[in-house]
Amino acid sequence: EGAVGRLEELVGLAKDSLRAVGCEVFEARKGEEAVEYLLKQIGEERMVVKSKSNTLKELELVEKLERRGVEVVETDLGDRIIQLAGEEPLHPVGPAVHLTLEEVARALSREVGRELPADVEKIIKASRERLRERILGARIGLTGANAIAAEEGAVGLVENEGNISLITRLPEKHLVVAGIEKIVPTMEEAVTVMKTCETFLTVVGAYHSFIKGPSRTADVMGIEQLGMHGAKEVHVVLLDGWRREAVRMGLEEVLYCCNCGACLSVCPVLLETAHAFSSKVGAGPIGVVRTWFVLGPEEAIRAGLFACTGCGACREICPGSIDFPKIIERLRG
């Protein structure tokens, strides 16, 4: 809440600090500007590796890259399963939880080039080996950010699988895309955001990391060189899109969301209707609200804007106490 109240100040500070540690920074007022910048950075590459990111979903970047003939490899296992199976994710954190073991095995068998048994351990092993092949062959890694510390110019990331660590270090170029609401004053506050995601997800992130610019070494003749064991280039795209508009409308609490997904686990409408209360932007109350801002009122209605019962379960469990029923009622207006 405090960070959102200082949004303009923190955006300016973050841009200066990120540049000071060697990052290239691009502020995009509109989603189209962000996409244009990312396409320019990807250039003629035919394959990129990607982590889970709601902001990239908002930009529909995967679809736009695929239309240009660029293969986008999801490295989060759940997202990769969904991608290969041609399914829609059920939950942002556990996107493939609705698929049977046999369905998962079939989807991954096509990817690894051999028939996999419906055995969890063997599926994981085969997936790990194949994903590492793809990551090692990529020159561009694409991620979101859980938080950005404005003072230090540090990008904070939380993960359990270890895929983000790999795709931010092994490819030559790391592209970070984050909404401006992800910016907080310091690394200490960024850690609080990252721990909140864990606490309300009831999933422990095995890895918490901060990235402050490209990898570097000066061990040969004292001459600094970029790109030792990590990325040679780090680009940070700070996206406004609809966020300043939400503040102007007095709906700044939408920006308090840390994407923990807790509201989705208690929403009776989502639990009963699944995909009927969602869009390609997101699921549940937060997904419908974001759909209104990103795709417009008509798409929000199709996503279930009028399906919300106003029960308040989402508000009660939300770590930011976001009053989604009140926001949705306002957007219906």
Foldseek 3Di string as FASTA:
>chain_A
DVCLVCLVVLVVLLCVQLVVLPAAEAEAAALVVVLVVVCVVCDPAQEEEEEQDLVCLLSVNCVVSVVVNHHYQYLPLQVNLCVQLVHAALFSVRGNPPDQLQSSQVSVCVVLVHRDDSDVVRSVVSSVVSSVVRLLVAQEYEYEALAAASNNSKGKDFAAPCPVVSNQFNHQEYEYEYESLRYDHHVVVSVVSVVVLCVLLVHHGPDIDIDRFFDWDLPPVNDIAGRDRGHRHYYYYYYHHCQVVCVVVVNNLLSVDSSSRNLCVPQPLCVVPRQQQADSSGGDLNRLLVCCRSVNDVVSVSNPLPVRPQPCPSLVSGPSSRNSSVSSVVSVD
